[in-house]
Amino acid sequence: QIQLVESGGGLVQAGGSLRLSCAASGRTLSSYTMGWFRQAPGKEREFVAAITWNGGDKMYADSVKGRFTASRDNGKNTVTLQMNSLKPEDTAVYYCAVDVTYSFTNRLRVRRDQYDYWGQGTQVTVSS
């Protein structure tokens, strides 16, 4: 079992920045691809970013490309999502997730059903 806990959400004005963190317990994350998703009210949960086990490959949704950056610190068993130039449409609950199906892979997952464990989410609200 892996427990994931997100933190760092909050209220920010448009154009501002936030840094989300995802801490894991129960198992090391260092072998696995990690993902970030978000869910706005009334909408489905959508892919935001993914990062491979060593941080060597990353993928972003078009809507956040150039503004968000995923990173990880395997020594601390954490992943982060740096969010810059935030827009009101970025308002959502943000979730981190881990894909434990493959270890040490360069596969980057974008579908919710490809991830096995999820955090409880952290709210990000961007005011205009």
N, C-alpha and C. Protein backbone atom coordinates (compact mmCIF):
# COMPACT_ATOMS: atom_id res chain seq x y z
N GLN A 1 0.83 -1.19 0.00
CA GLN A 1 0.00 0.00 0.00
C GLN A 1 0.86 1.24 0.00
N ILE A 2 0.42 2.23 -0.72
CA ILE A 2 1.08 3.53 -0.76
C ILE A 2 0.06 4.58 -0.35
N GLN A 3 0.47 5.43 0.56
CA GLN A 3 -0.36 6.57 0.93
C GLN A 3 0.28 7.83 0.37
N LEU A 4 -0.53 8.62 -0.31
CA LEU A 4 -0.07 9.87 -0.91
C LEU A 4 -0.82 11.03 -0.26
N VAL A 5 -0.08 12.07 0.08
CA VAL A 5 -0.69 13.24 0.70
C VAL A 5 -0.20 14.50 -0.03
N GLU A 6 -1.14 15.23 -0.60
CA GLU A 6 -0.81 16.47 -1.28
C GLU A 6 -0.88 17.64 -0.30
N SER A 7 -0.10 18.66 -0.59
CA SER A 7 -0.14 19.89 0.20
C SER A 7 0.28 21.05 -0.69
N GLY A 8 0.06 22.25 -0.20
CA GLY A 8 0.51 23.43 -0.92
C GLY A 8 -0.56 24.19 -1.66
N GLY A 9 -1.78 23.67 -1.66
CA GLY A 9 -2.85 24.37 -2.32
C GLY A 9 -3.24 25.63 -1.56
N GLY A 10 -4.10 26.42 -2.19
CA GLY A 10 -4.55 27.64 -1.54
C GLY A 10 -5.21 28.58 -2.51
N LEU A 11 -5.38 29.81 -2.06
CA LEU A 11 -6.00 30.86 -2.86
C LEU A 11 -4.91 31.80 -3.36
N VAL A 12 -4.92 32.08 -4.65
CA VAL A 12 -3.91 32.95 -5.24
C VAL A 12 -4.57 33.78 -6.33
N GLN A 13 -4.03 34.95 -6.55
CA GLN A 13 -4.54 35.80 -7.63
C GLN A 13 -4.01 35.33 -8.98
N ALA A 14 -4.75 35.65 -10.00
CA ALA A 14 -4.31 35.32 -11.36
C ALA A 14 -2.93 35.91 -11.60
N GLY A 15 -2.09 35.11 -12.23
CA GLY A 15 -0.70 35.51 -12.46
C GLY A 15 0.25 35.06 -11.38
N GLY A 16 -0.28 34.59 -10.28
CA GLY A 16 0.55 34.16 -9.17
C GLY A 16 1.05 32.73 -9.33
N SER A 17 1.71 32.26 -8.28
CA SER A 17 2.32 30.93 -8.31
C SER A 17 1.96 30.14 -7.05
N LEU A 18 1.97 28.85 -7.20
CA LEU A 18 1.84 27.92 -6.09
C LEU A 18 2.73 26.73 -6.36
N ARG A 19 3.15 26.10 -5.28
CA ARG A 19 3.97 24.89 -5.40
C ARG A 19 3.29 23.78 -4.62
N LEU A 20 2.85 22.78 -5.33
CA LEU A 20 2.20 21.64 -4.71
C LEU A 20 3.23 20.55 -4.43
N SER A 21 3.05 19.86 -3.33
CA SER A 21 3.90 18.74 -2.99
C SER A 21 3.06 17.50 -2.77
N CYS A 22 3.65 16.38 -3.00
CA CYS A 22 3.00 15.09 -2.79
C CYS A 22 4.00 14.20 -2.06
N ALA A 23 3.66 13.85 -0.84
CA ALA A 23 4.54 13.01 -0.02
C ALA A 23 3.97 11.61 0.07
N ALA A 24 4.84 10.65 -0.01
CA ALA A 24 4.41 9.26 0.01
C ALA A 24 4.89 8.54 1.26
N SER A 25 4.11 7.58 1.67
CA SER A 25 4.51 6.68 2.75
C SER A 25 4.03 5.28 2.40
N GLY A 26 4.64 4.30 3.02
CA GLY A 26 4.25 2.92 2.80
C GLY A 26 5.11 2.21 1.78
N ARG A 27 5.67 2.94 0.85
CA ARG A 27 6.56 2.36 -0.16
C ARG A 27 7.31 3.49 -0.83
N THR A 28 8.51 3.21 -1.27
CA THR A 28 9.25 4.23 -1.97
C THR A 28 8.67 4.46 -3.37
N LEU A 29 8.68 5.70 -3.80
CA LEU A 29 8.17 6.07 -5.12
C LEU A 29 9.25 6.06 -6.19
N SER A 30 10.46 5.83 -5.78
CA SER A 30 11.59 6.09 -6.67
C SER A 30 11.60 5.26 -7.93
N SER A 31 10.83 4.18 -7.99
CA SER A 31 10.83 3.30 -9.17
C SER A 31 9.73 3.62 -10.15
N TYR A 32 8.83 4.52 -9.80
CA TYR A 32 7.56 4.63 -10.52
C TYR A 32 7.29 5.99 -11.16
N THR A 33 6.49 5.91 -12.23
CA THR A 33 5.97 7.13 -12.83
C THR A 33 4.91 7.75 -11.91
N MET A 34 4.98 9.06 -11.79
CA MET A 34 4.01 9.80 -10.99
C MET A 34 3.22 10.73 -11.89
N GLY A 35 1.98 10.98 -11.49
CA GLY A 35 1.14 11.87 -12.26
C GLY A 35 0.45 12.89 -11.39
N TRP A 36 0.09 14.00 -12.03
CA TRP A 36 -0.76 15.02 -11.41
C TRP A 36 -2.02 15.16 -12.25
N PHE A 37 -3.15 15.22 -11.58
CA PHE A 37 -4.44 15.41 -12.22
C PHE A 37 -5.17 16.52 -11.49
N ARG A 38 -6.23 17.01 -12.09
CA ARG A 38 -7.05 18.01 -11.41
C ARG A 38 -8.51 17.81 -11.79
N GLN A 39 -9.36 18.26 -10.89
CA GLN A 39 -10.80 18.15 -11.13
C GLN A 39 -11.48 19.43 -10.69
N ALA A 40 -12.08 20.10 -11.66
CA ALA A 40 -12.83 21.32 -11.38
C ALA A 40 -14.28 20.94 -11.11
N PRO A 41 -15.02 21.79 -10.42
CA PRO A 41 -16.42 21.48 -10.12
C PRO A 41 -17.22 21.19 -11.39
N GLY A 42 -17.95 20.08 -11.38
CA GLY A 42 -18.78 19.73 -12.50
C GLY A 42 -18.05 19.15 -13.68
N LYS A 43 -16.75 18.94 -13.55
CA LYS A 43 -15.97 18.42 -14.66
C LYS A 43 -15.30 17.11 -14.25
N GLU A 44 -14.85 16.37 -15.26
CA GLU A 44 -14.14 15.14 -15.00
C GLU A 44 -12.69 15.45 -14.58
N ARG A 45 -12.12 14.49 -13.88
CA ARG A 45 -10.72 14.62 -13.50
C ARG A 45 -9.86 14.53 -14.76
N GLU A 46 -8.94 15.47 -14.90
CA GLU A 46 -8.14 15.53 -16.12
C GLU A 46 -6.65 15.50 -15.82
N PHE A 47 -5.93 15.00 -16.80
CA PHE A 47 -4.48 14.90 -16.70
C PHE A 47 -3.85 16.29 -16.70
N VAL A 48 -2.82 16.46 -15.86
CA VAL A 48 -2.07 17.70 -15.82
C VAL A 48 -0.61 17.46 -16.21
N ALA A 49 0.03 16.50 -15.53
CA ALA A 49 1.45 16.28 -15.78
C ALA A 49 1.83 14.88 -15.34
N ALA A 50 2.92 14.38 -15.92
CA ALA A 50 3.47 13.09 -15.50
C ALA A 50 4.98 13.18 -15.55
N ILE A 51 5.64 12.39 -14.69
CA ILE A 51 7.09 12.41 -14.61
C ILE A 51 7.57 10.99 -14.37
N THR A 52 8.60 10.59 -15.11
CA THR A 52 9.10 9.23 -14.97
C THR A 52 9.89 9.06 -13.68
N TRP A 53 10.27 7.83 -13.41
CA TRP A 53 10.85 7.48 -12.11
C TRP A 53 12.09 8.29 -11.76
N ASN A 54 12.87 8.67 -12.75
CA ASN A 54 14.09 9.42 -12.46
C ASN A 54 13.99 10.88 -12.87
N GLY A 55 12.80 11.30 -13.27
CA GLY A 55 12.60 12.68 -13.68
C GLY A 55 13.13 12.97 -15.08
N GLY A 56 13.57 11.94 -15.79
CA GLY A 56 14.17 12.15 -17.09
C GLY A 56 13.20 12.52 -18.18
N ASP A 57 11.97 12.10 -18.04
CA ASP A 57 10.94 12.41 -19.04
C ASP A 57 9.73 12.98 -18.33
N LYS A 58 9.13 13.95 -18.95
CA LYS A 58 7.94 14.59 -18.40
C LYS A 58 6.96 14.85 -19.52
N MET A 59 5.70 14.94 -19.15
CA MET A 59 4.65 15.26 -20.11
C MET A 59 3.66 16.20 -19.43
N TYR A 60 3.13 17.13 -20.21
CA TYR A 60 2.18 18.10 -19.66
C TYR A 60 0.97 18.21 -20.56
N ALA A 61 -0.16 18.51 -19.95
CA ALA A 61 -1.34 18.87 -20.73
C ALA A 61 -1.06 20.18 -21.46
N ASP A 62 -1.64 20.33 -22.64
CA ASP A 62 -1.42 21.55 -23.42
C ASP A 62 -1.81 22.79 -22.64
N SER A 63 -2.83 22.66 -21.79
CA SER A 63 -3.35 23.81 -21.07
C SER A 63 -2.37 24.35 -20.03
N VAL A 64 -1.39 23.55 -19.62
CA VAL A 64 -0.45 23.99 -18.58
C VAL A 64 0.98 24.05 -19.08
N LYS A 65 1.22 23.62 -20.30
CA LYS A 65 2.57 23.56 -20.84
C LYS A 65 3.20 24.95 -20.82
N GLY A 66 4.42 25.03 -20.34
CA GLY A 66 5.12 26.30 -20.25
C GLY A 66 4.85 27.05 -18.97
N ARG A 67 3.86 26.63 -18.20
CA ARG A 67 3.54 27.30 -16.93
C ARG A 67 3.77 26.41 -15.73
N PHE A 68 3.55 25.11 -15.88
CA PHE A 68 3.70 24.15 -14.79
C PHE A 68 4.95 23.32 -15.00
N THR A 69 5.59 22.96 -13.90
CA THR A 69 6.77 22.10 -13.97
C THR A 69 6.69 21.03 -12.89
N ALA A 70 6.78 19.79 -13.31
CA ALA A 70 6.81 18.66 -12.38
C ALA A 70 8.25 18.30 -12.07
N SER A 71 8.49 17.93 -10.83
CA SER A 71 9.82 17.48 -10.43
C SER A 71 9.67 16.46 -9.31
N ARG A 72 10.76 15.82 -8.98
CA ARG A 72 10.69 14.84 -7.90
C ARG A 72 12.02 14.77 -7.17
N ASP A 73 11.91 14.36 -5.91
CA ASP A 73 13.08 14.13 -5.07
C ASP A 73 12.93 12.73 -4.51
N ASN A 74 13.56 11.78 -5.14
CA ASN A 74 13.39 10.38 -4.72
C ASN A 74 13.99 10.13 -3.34
N GLY A 75 14.97 10.91 -2.98
CA GLY A 75 15.54 10.75 -1.65
C GLY A 75 14.56 11.12 -0.55
N LYS A 76 13.66 12.04 -0.86
CA LYS A 76 12.65 12.47 0.11
C LYS A 76 11.29 11.84 -0.17
N ASN A 77 11.24 11.01 -1.22
CA ASN A 77 9.98 10.33 -1.56
C ASN A 77 8.84 11.32 -1.83
N THR A 78 9.17 12.39 -2.55
CA THR A 78 8.19 13.42 -2.83
C THR A 78 8.23 13.81 -4.30
N VAL A 79 7.11 14.31 -4.77
CA VAL A 79 7.04 14.94 -6.08
C VAL A 79 6.41 16.31 -5.91
N THR A 80 6.75 17.23 -6.78
CA THR A 80 6.21 18.57 -6.69
C THR A 80 5.67 19.03 -8.03
N LEU A 81 4.78 20.00 -7.97
CA LEU A 81 4.25 20.63 -9.16
C LEU A 81 4.33 22.13 -8.95
N GLN A 82 5.26 22.75 -9.64
CA GLN A 82 5.40 24.20 -9.59
C GLN A 82 4.46 24.81 -10.60
N MET A 83 3.57 25.67 -10.13
CA MET A 83 2.56 26.26 -10.99
C MET A 83 2.75 27.76 -11.04
N ASN A 84 3.08 28.27 -12.20
CA ASN A 84 3.30 29.70 -12.41
C ASN A 84 2.26 30.27 -13.35
N SER A 85 2.16 31.57 -13.35
CA SER A 85 1.21 32.27 -14.25
C SER A 85 -0.17 31.65 -14.17
N LEU A 86 -0.63 31.46 -12.96
CA LEU A 86 -1.91 30.79 -12.76
C LEU A 86 -3.06 31.60 -13.33
N LYS A 87 -4.06 30.86 -13.80
CA LYS A 87 -5.25 31.46 -14.40
C LYS A 87 -6.48 30.99 -13.64
N PRO A 88 -7.55 31.74 -13.70
CA PRO A 88 -8.78 31.28 -13.01
C PRO A 88 -9.22 29.89 -13.46
N GLU A 89 -8.98 29.55 -14.69
CA GLU A 89 -9.37 28.22 -15.18
C GLU A 89 -8.50 27.09 -14.62
N ASP A 90 -7.45 27.44 -13.88
CA ASP A 90 -6.66 26.41 -13.19
C ASP A 90 -7.29 26.02 -11.86
N THR A 91 -8.34 26.70 -11.46
CA THR A 91 -9.02 26.38 -10.21
C THR A 91 -9.56 24.95 -10.24
N ALA A 92 -9.17 24.17 -9.26
CA ALA A 92 -9.55 22.75 -9.21
C ALA A 92 -8.97 22.12 -7.95
N VAL A 93 -9.39 20.91 -7.70
CA VAL A 93 -8.71 20.08 -6.72
C VAL A 93 -7.62 19.31 -7.47
N TYR A 94 -6.41 19.38 -6.94
CA TYR A 94 -5.27 18.74 -7.60
C TYR A 94 -4.90 17.46 -6.85
N TYR A 95 -4.67 16.42 -7.63
CA TYR A 95 -4.35 15.10 -7.08
C TYR A 95 -3.01 14.61 -7.63
N CYS A 96 -2.26 13.94 -6.78
CA CYS A 96 -1.11 13.20 -7.28
C CYS A 96 -1.47 11.72 -7.28
N ALA A 97 -0.80 10.99 -8.13
CA ALA A 97 -1.09 9.57 -8.29
C ALA A 97 0.19 8.84 -8.71
N VAL A 98 0.22 7.56 -8.45
CA VAL A 98 1.39 6.75 -8.80
C VAL A 98 0.97 5.52 -9.59
N ASP A 99 1.76 5.22 -10.60
CA ASP A 99 1.55 4.03 -11.43
C ASP A 99 2.58 2.98 -11.01
N VAL A 100 2.13 1.93 -10.35
CA VAL A 100 3.06 0.90 -9.86
C VAL A 100 3.08 -0.32 -10.76
N THR A 101 2.45 -0.22 -11.93
CA THR A 101 2.39 -1.37 -12.82
C THR A 101 3.78 -1.70 -13.37
N TYR A 102 4.53 -0.66 -13.68
CA TYR A 102 5.87 -0.84 -14.24
C TYR A 102 6.88 -0.09 -13.39
N SER A 103 8.04 -0.70 -13.24
CA SER A 103 9.14 -0.07 -12.53
C SER A 103 10.20 0.37 -13.52
N PHE A 104 10.84 1.48 -13.19
CA PHE A 104 11.96 1.99 -13.99
C PHE A 104 11.61 2.06 -15.48
N THR A 105 10.43 2.60 -15.75
CA THR A 105 9.96 2.71 -17.12
C THR A 105 9.97 4.15 -17.57
N ASN A 106 10.05 4.33 -18.90
CA ASN A 106 9.92 5.66 -19.47
C ASN A 106 8.50 5.93 -19.97
N ARG A 107 7.58 5.01 -19.64
CA ARG A 107 6.18 5.22 -20.03
C ARG A 107 5.60 6.38 -19.22
N LEU A 108 4.92 7.26 -19.88
CA LEU A 108 4.25 8.38 -19.24
C LEU A 108 2.75 8.18 -19.41
N ARG A 109 2.07 8.09 -18.30
CA ARG A 109 0.65 7.77 -18.31
C ARG A 109 -0.19 9.02 -18.26
N VAL A 110 -1.28 9.05 -19.04
CA VAL A 110 -2.15 10.22 -19.05
C VAL A 110 -3.58 9.88 -18.66
N ARG A 111 -3.92 8.61 -18.56
CA ARG A 111 -5.29 8.20 -18.21
C ARG A 111 -5.39 7.90 -16.74
N ARG A 112 -6.53 8.27 -16.17
CA ARG A 112 -6.75 8.04 -14.75
C ARG A 112 -6.64 6.57 -14.39
N ASP A 113 -7.16 5.71 -15.27
CA ASP A 113 -7.19 4.28 -14.94
C ASP A 113 -5.82 3.63 -15.02
N GLN A 114 -4.81 4.37 -15.43
CA GLN A 114 -3.46 3.84 -15.48
C GLN A 114 -2.69 4.07 -14.18
N TYR A 115 -3.32 4.73 -13.24
CA TYR A 115 -2.69 5.01 -11.96
C TYR A 115 -3.37 4.19 -10.87
N ASP A 116 -2.56 3.76 -9.93
CA ASP A 116 -3.03 2.79 -8.95
C ASP A 116 -3.38 3.38 -7.59
N TYR A 117 -2.64 4.37 -7.17
CA TYR A 117 -2.88 4.99 -5.87
C TYR A 117 -2.98 6.50 -6.04
N TRP A 118 -3.88 7.08 -5.23
CA TRP A 118 -4.19 8.49 -5.33
C TRP A 118 -4.13 9.15 -3.96
N GLY A 119 -3.79 10.43 -3.97
CA GLY A 119 -3.92 11.22 -2.76
C GLY A 119 -5.34 11.73 -2.61
N GLN A 120 -5.56 12.48 -1.53
CA GLN A 120 -6.90 12.98 -1.24
C GLN A 120 -7.19 14.30 -1.95
N GLY A 121 -6.16 14.91 -2.48
CA GLY A 121 -6.33 16.15 -3.23
C GLY A 121 -6.08 17.40 -2.40
N THR A 122 -5.72 18.47 -3.08
CA THR A 122 -5.54 19.77 -2.44
C THR A 122 -6.19 20.82 -3.33
N GLN A 123 -6.92 21.74 -2.70
CA GLN A 123 -7.69 22.73 -3.46
C GLN A 123 -6.79 23.88 -3.90
N VAL A 124 -6.90 24.22 -5.16
CA VAL A 124 -6.24 25.40 -5.72
C VAL A 124 -7.33 26.31 -6.27
N THR A 125 -7.34 27.54 -5.78
CA THR A 125 -8.32 28.52 -6.24
C THR A 125 -7.58 29.75 -6.75
N VAL A 126 -7.87 30.11 -8.00
CA VAL A 126 -7.22 31.26 -8.62
C VAL A 126 -8.28 32.32 -8.86
N SER A 127 -8.12 33.47 -8.24
CA SER A 127 -9.09 34.54 -8.38
C SER A 127 -8.67 35.48 -9.52
N SER A 128 -9.67 36.06 -10.15
CA SER A 128 -9.39 36.94 -11.29
C SER A 128 -9.19 38.37 -10.84
